[in-house]
Amino acid sequence: MLDGNRRWAAERGADTKTGHQAGADNIANFLTWCEDIGVELVTLWLLSTDNLSRPERELSPLLEIIEKAVGDLAATSRWRIHAVGALHLLPAPTREALEAAEEATEHVGGMTVNVAVGYGGRQEIADAVRALLTERAAAGEDITEVAREVTVEQIAEHLYTAGQPDPDLVIRTSGEQRLSGFLLWQSAHSEFYFCEAYWPDFRRVDFLRALRAYADRHRRRFGG
């Protein structure tokens, strides 16, 4: 959860766009650290569904930064990009940039990077249930019967992250200690680590501290 860009900028007397750009500039560093230790899947929350209601003067520059950042990640051909979120709610240029990044890295064999844009956990669950019911109705099944028999596994198969493992560790920067709707379904059994540093200031040492905390909890869980 790449949080704190705006506060980072405000404390430096800079505008919001500068903060978001500083945050974008730190993404490749973070992915490299993940790659170095053998992480296979990372999800970056870049924009929530709530953020889509921000004033146009703030939202437009942020979307442009996201479009470029995702394009730059794809251009490295190091990571496989996968967009997660309510893409239909995004402006066409942003949606097209995400789709282009996915297509360009479709056959990349490296770490998978989920870019969560226009993402909200409640929205994801609602979309998953809607997709499940629509699919079964199209197959001629009775919706009342489907609703009676629907399972957790069936809903999971229609999430934005369908087919992917749930996260082992969720990190949020900026000192905030809440999920704010991030991966609500998937994080049911995850460990959480809250870091005081704003995202633009998040360093490798902060990442390693998060991993150490996770490892300590993991050992305690299994009696180590």
Foldseek 3Di string as FASTA:
>chain_A
DQDDLCVVQVVVVHHSLVSLLLLLVCVVVVVVLCVVVPNQEEEDEQAELVNVPDDPVNVVSSLVSVLVSLLVVLVVLAEQEAEFADLVVDPPSSSVSSVVSNVSNVPRPGHYYYYYHRHFQVVQLVQLVVVLLVVVVVVVDDSVVCVVPPDPLSSLCRGSQHPDAADQEDEDEQQDDDDRRPPVPRCPPHHYYYYNHRSSPDDSVNVVVRVVVSVVVVCVVVVD
